Amino acid sequence: MPTWVRLIGEHPLSWEMLPDAALSQPKVWRALIERGLPQAALIRQLPRSTRLIVVGLTATNVSIADPNNPAMLDIAGFDAAVPNLIADFSRGDL
Protein backbone atom coordinates (compact mmCIF):
# COMPACT_ATOMS: atom_id res chain seq x y z
CA MET A 1 0.00 0.00 0.00
CA PRO A 2 1.45 3.39 -0.93
CA THR A 3 2.28 5.90 1.75
CA TRP A 4 -0.19 8.61 0.80
CA VAL A 5 1.50 11.26 2.92
CA ARG A 6 4.79 10.63 1.09
CA LEU A 7 3.07 10.74 -2.31
CA ILE A 8 1.34 14.01 -1.46
CA GLY A 9 4.71 15.48 -0.53
CA GLU A 10 6.40 14.28 -3.71
CA HIS A 11 3.66 14.93 -6.27
CA PRO A 12 1.04 17.65 -6.80
CA LEU A 13 -1.89 15.44 -5.75
CA SER A 14 -5.20 17.01 -4.86
CA TRP A 15 -7.66 15.38 -2.49
CA GLU A 16 -9.90 14.46 -5.42
CA MET A 17 -7.15 12.17 -6.72
CA LEU A 18 -6.95 10.08 -3.54
CA PRO A 19 -9.01 6.99 -2.74
CA ASP A 20 -11.58 7.10 0.07
CA ALA A 21 -9.35 4.87 2.21
CA ALA A 22 -6.63 7.52 2.17
CA LEU A 23 -9.05 10.34 2.98
CA SER A 24 -10.06 8.63 6.22
CA GLN A 25 -6.55 9.16 7.61
CA PRO A 26 -5.93 12.41 9.55
CA LYS A 27 -2.25 12.43 8.51
CA VAL A 28 -3.32 12.59 4.87
CA TRP A 29 -5.49 15.68 5.48
CA ARG A 30 -2.68 17.29 7.47
CA ALA A 31 -0.30 16.68 4.54
CA LEU A 32 -2.81 18.14 2.06
CA ILE A 33 -3.27 21.25 4.19
CA GLU A 34 0.48 21.66 4.73
CA ARG A 35 0.95 21.41 0.96
CA GLY A 36 -1.43 24.32 0.52
CA LEU A 37 -4.89 22.81 0.05
CA PRO A 38 -7.09 25.90 -0.07
CA GLN A 39 -9.59 26.02 2.75
CA ALA A 40 -12.08 27.42 0.27
CA ALA A 41 -11.86 24.19 -1.74
CA LEU A 42 -12.84 22.21 1.33
CA ILE A 43 -15.69 24.53 2.22
CA ARG A 44 -17.13 24.39 -1.33
CA GLN A 45 -17.63 20.64 -0.85
CA LEU A 46 -19.85 21.15 2.20
CA PRO A 47 -23.60 21.79 2.15
CA ARG A 48 -24.63 25.45 2.33
CA SER A 49 -25.96 25.10 5.89
CA THR A 50 -22.62 23.82 7.20
CA ARG A 51 -20.84 25.88 9.81
CA LEU A 52 -17.24 25.47 10.93
CA ILE A 53 -16.19 25.93 14.54
CA VAL A 54 -12.55 25.56 15.53
CA VAL A 55 -11.92 25.28 19.26
CA GLY A 56 -8.47 25.64 20.79
CA LEU A 57 -8.40 24.39 24.36
CA THR A 58 -5.81 27.00 25.28
CA ALA A 59 -5.93 30.67 24.39
CA THR A 60 -3.37 31.06 21.61
CA ASN A 61 -3.02 33.47 18.72
CA VAL A 62 -3.89 30.92 16.01
CA SER A 63 -6.74 31.31 13.55
CA ILE A 64 -8.04 28.55 11.29
CA ALA A 65 -11.44 29.93 10.35
CA ASP A 66 -11.73 32.66 7.73
CA PRO A 67 -12.65 35.85 9.64
CA ASN A 68 -14.57 37.11 6.59
CA ASN A 69 -16.82 34.04 6.44
CA PRO A 70 -19.84 34.36 8.75
CA ALA A 71 -20.25 30.56 8.78
CA MET A 72 -16.88 30.07 10.50
CA LEU A 73 -15.89 30.68 14.11
CA ASP A 74 -12.58 30.41 15.96
CA ILE A 75 -12.72 29.90 19.73
CA ALA A 76 -9.50 30.33 21.71
CA GLY A 77 -9.72 28.82 25.18
CA PHE A 78 -12.44 26.72 26.73
CA ASP A 79 -14.67 27.37 29.72
CA ALA A 80 -18.24 26.63 30.82
CA ALA A 81 -19.74 29.15 28.36
CA VAL A 82 -18.28 27.51 25.23
CA PRO A 83 -20.86 24.71 24.82
CA ASN A 84 -23.68 27.27 24.74
CA LEU A 85 -21.70 29.46 22.34
CA ILE A 86 -21.23 26.48 20.03
CA ALA A 87 -24.93 25.60 20.22
CA ASP A 88 -26.00 29.19 19.47
CA PHE A 89 -23.59 29.53 16.54
CA SER A 90 -24.64 26.14 15.14
CA ARG A 91 -28.30 27.17 15.17
CA GLY A 92 -27.45 30.46 13.46
CA ASP A 93 -28.40 32.55 16.48
CA LEU A 94 -25.10 34.46 16.41
C-alpha atoms as a PDB file:
ATOM      1  CA  MET A   1       0.000   0.000   0.000  1.00  0.00           C
ATOM      2  CA  PRO A   2       1.448   3.385  -0.929  1.00  0.00           C
ATOM      3  CA  THR A   3       2.281   5.903   1.747  1.00  0.00           C
ATOM      4  CA  TRP A   4      -0.190   8.609   0.804  1.00  0.00           C
ATOM      5  CA  VAL A   5       1.499  11.261   2.922  1.00  0.00           C
ATOM      6  CA  ARG A   6       4.787  10.629   1.086  1.00  0.00           C
ATOM      7  CA  LEU A   7       3.071  10.740  -2.307  1.00  0.00           C
ATOM      8  CA  ILE A   8       1.342  14.012  -1.457  1.00  0.00           C
ATOM      9  CA  GLY A   9       4.708  15.481  -0.529  1.00  0.00           C
ATOM     10  CA  GLU A  10       6.405  14.284  -3.709  1.00  0.00           C
ATOM     11  CA  HIS A  11       3.664  14.935  -6.273  1.00  0.00           C
ATOM     12  CA  PRO A  12       1.044  17.647  -6.803  1.00  0.00           C
ATOM     13  CA  LEU A  13      -1.887  15.439  -5.750  1.00  0.00           C
ATOM     14  CA  SER A  14      -5.203  17.009  -4.858  1.00  0.00           C
ATOM     15  CA  TRP A  15      -7.661  15.380  -2.487  1.00  0.00           C
ATOM     16  CA  GLU A  16      -9.905  14.461  -5.421  1.00  0.00           C
ATOM     17  CA  MET A  17      -7.148  12.171  -6.724  1.00  0.00           C
ATOM     18  CA  LEU A  18      -6.951  10.084  -3.545  1.00  0.00           C
ATOM     19  CA  PRO A  19      -9.013   6.995  -2.740  1.00  0.00           C
ATOM     20  CA  ASP A  20     -11.578   7.096   0.069  1.00  0.00           C
ATOM     21  CA  ALA A  21      -9.355   4.872   2.214  1.00  0.00           C
ATOM     22  CA  ALA A  22      -6.627   7.521   2.165  1.00  0.00           C
ATOM     23  CA  LEU A  23      -9.047  10.340   2.980  1.00  0.00           C
ATOM     24  CA  SER A  24     -10.056   8.632   6.216  1.00  0.00           C
ATOM     25  CA  GLN A  25      -6.547   9.165   7.614  1.00  0.00           C
ATOM     26  CA  PRO A  26      -5.929  12.406   9.553  1.00  0.00           C
ATOM     27  CA  LYS A  27      -2.249  12.432   8.513  1.00  0.00           C
ATOM     28  CA  VAL A  28      -3.317  12.595   4.870  1.00  0.00           C
ATOM     29  CA  TRP A  29      -5.492  15.675   5.483  1.00  0.00           C
ATOM     30  CA  ARG A  30      -2.680  17.285   7.474  1.00  0.00           C
ATOM     31  CA  ALA A  31      -0.303  16.677   4.542  1.00  0.00           C
ATOM     32  CA  LEU A  32      -2.808  18.143   2.058  1.00  0.00           C
ATOM     33  CA  ILE A  33      -3.271  21.254   4.194  1.00  0.00           C
ATOM     34  CA  GLU A  34       0.479  21.664   4.729  1.00  0.00           C
ATOM     35  CA  ARG A  35       0.951  21.405   0.956  1.00  0.00           C
ATOM     36  CA  GLY A  36      -1.430  24.315   0.518  1.00  0.00           C
ATOM     37  CA  LEU A  37      -4.888  22.812   0.051  1.00  0.00           C
ATOM     38  CA  PRO A  38      -7.087  25.904  -0.068  1.00  0.00           C
ATOM     39  CA  GLN A  39      -9.590  26.022   2.752  1.00  0.00           C
ATOM     40  CA  ALA A  40     -12.084  27.425   0.268  1.00  0.00           C
ATOM     41  CA  ALA A  41     -11.864  24.190  -1.744  1.00  0.00           C
ATOM     42  CA  LEU A  42     -12.844  22.206   1.332  1.00  0.00           C
ATOM     43  CA  ILE A  43     -15.693  24.533   2.218  1.00  0.00           C
ATOM     44  CA  ARG A  44     -17.134  24.386  -1.327  1.00  0.00           C
ATOM     45  CA  GLN A  45     -17.630  20.639  -0.850  1.00  0.00           C
ATOM     46  CA  LEU A  46     -19.854  21.149   2.197  1.00  0.00           C
ATOM     47  CA  PRO A  47     -23.595  21.785   2.147  1.00  0.00           C
ATOM     48  CA  ARG A  48     -24.627  25.451   2.334  1.00  0.00           C
ATOM     49  CA  SER A  49     -25.956  25.104   5.886  1.00  0.00           C
ATOM     50  CA  THR A  50     -22.623  23.816   7.199  1.00  0.00           C
ATOM     51  CA  ARG A  51     -20.837  25.877   9.811  1.00  0.00           C
ATOM     52  CA  LEU A  52     -17.240  25.470  10.929  1.00  0.00           C
ATOM     53  CA  ILE A  53     -16.195  25.928  14.544  1.00  0.00           C
ATOM     54  CA  VAL A  54     -12.549  25.556  15.529  1.00  0.00           C
ATOM     55  CA  VAL A  55     -11.920  25.284  19.260  1.00  0.00           C
ATOM     56  CA  GLY A  56      -8.472  25.640  20.785  1.00  0.00           C
ATOM     57  CA  LEU A  57      -8.403  24.391  24.363  1.00  0.00           C
ATOM     58  CA  THR A  58      -5.812  27.001  25.277  1.00  0.00           C
ATOM     59  CA  ALA A  59      -5.935  30.671  24.387  1.00  0.00           C
ATOM     60  CA  THR A  60      -3.374  31.056  21.607  1.00  0.00           C
ATOM     61  CA  ASN A  61      -3.023  33.471  18.725  1.00  0.00           C
ATOM     62  CA  VAL A  62      -3.887  30.923  16.006  1.00  0.00           C
ATOM     63  CA  SER A  63      -6.745  31.309  13.554  1.00  0.00           C
ATOM     64  CA  ILE A  64      -8.038  28.550  11.292  1.00  0.00           C
ATOM     65  CA  ALA A  65     -11.442  29.931  10.347  1.00  0.00           C
ATOM     66  CA  ASP A  66     -11.733  32.664   7.733  1.00  0.00           C
ATOM     67  CA  PRO A  67     -12.654  35.847   9.644  1.00  0.00           C
ATOM     68  CA  ASN A  68     -14.567  37.109   6.588  1.00  0.00           C
ATOM     69  CA  ASN A  69     -16.818  34.042   6.437  1.00  0.00           C
ATOM     70  CA  PRO A  70     -19.839  34.355   8.748  1.00  0.00           C
ATOM     71  CA  ALA A  71     -20.247  30.556   8.777  1.00  0.00           C
ATOM     72  CA  MET A  72     -16.876  30.070  10.501  1.00  0.00           C
ATOM     73  CA  LEU A  73     -15.889  30.683  14.109  1.00  0.00           C
ATOM     74  CA  ASP A  74     -12.580  30.413  15.961  1.00  0.00           C
ATOM     75  CA  ILE A  75     -12.718  29.902  19.725  1.00  0.00           C
ATOM     76  CA  ALA A  76      -9.498  30.335  21.706  1.00  0.00           C
ATOM     77  CA  GLY A  77      -9.716  28.818  25.176  1.00  0.00           C
ATOM     78  CA  PHE A  78     -12.444  26.724  26.732  1.00  0.00           C
ATOM     79  CA  ASP A  79     -14.674  27.367  29.716  1.00  0.00           C
ATOM     80  CA  ALA A  80     -18.239  26.633  30.825  1.00  0.00           C
ATOM     81  CA  ALA A  81     -19.736  29.155  28.356  1.00  0.00           C
ATOM     82  CA  VAL A  82     -18.278  27.515  25.226  1.00  0.00           C
ATOM     83  CA  PRO A  83     -20.855  24.709  24.817  1.00  0.00           C
ATOM     84  CA  ASN A  84     -23.685  27.274  24.744  1.00  0.00           C
ATOM     85  CA  LEU A  85     -21.703  29.461  22.342  1.00  0.00           C
ATOM     86  CA  ILE A  86     -21.227  26.477  20.031  1.00  0.00           C
ATOM     87  CA  ALA A  87     -24.931  25.603  20.215  1.00  0.00           C
ATOM     88  CA  ASP A  88     -25.997  29.190  19.474  1.00  0.00           C
ATOM     89  CA  PHE A  89     -23.595  29.529  16.539  1.00  0.00           C
ATOM     90  CA  SER A  90     -24.638  26.137  15.136  1.00  0.00           C
ATOM     91  CA  ARG A  91     -28.303  27.175  15.168  1.00  0.00           C
ATOM     92  CA  GLY A  92     -27.451  30.458  13.456  1.00  0.00           C
ATOM     93  CA  ASP A  93     -28.397  32.554  16.485  1.00  0.00           C
ATOM     94  CA  LEU A  94     -25.101  34.464  16.413  1.00  0.00           C
END
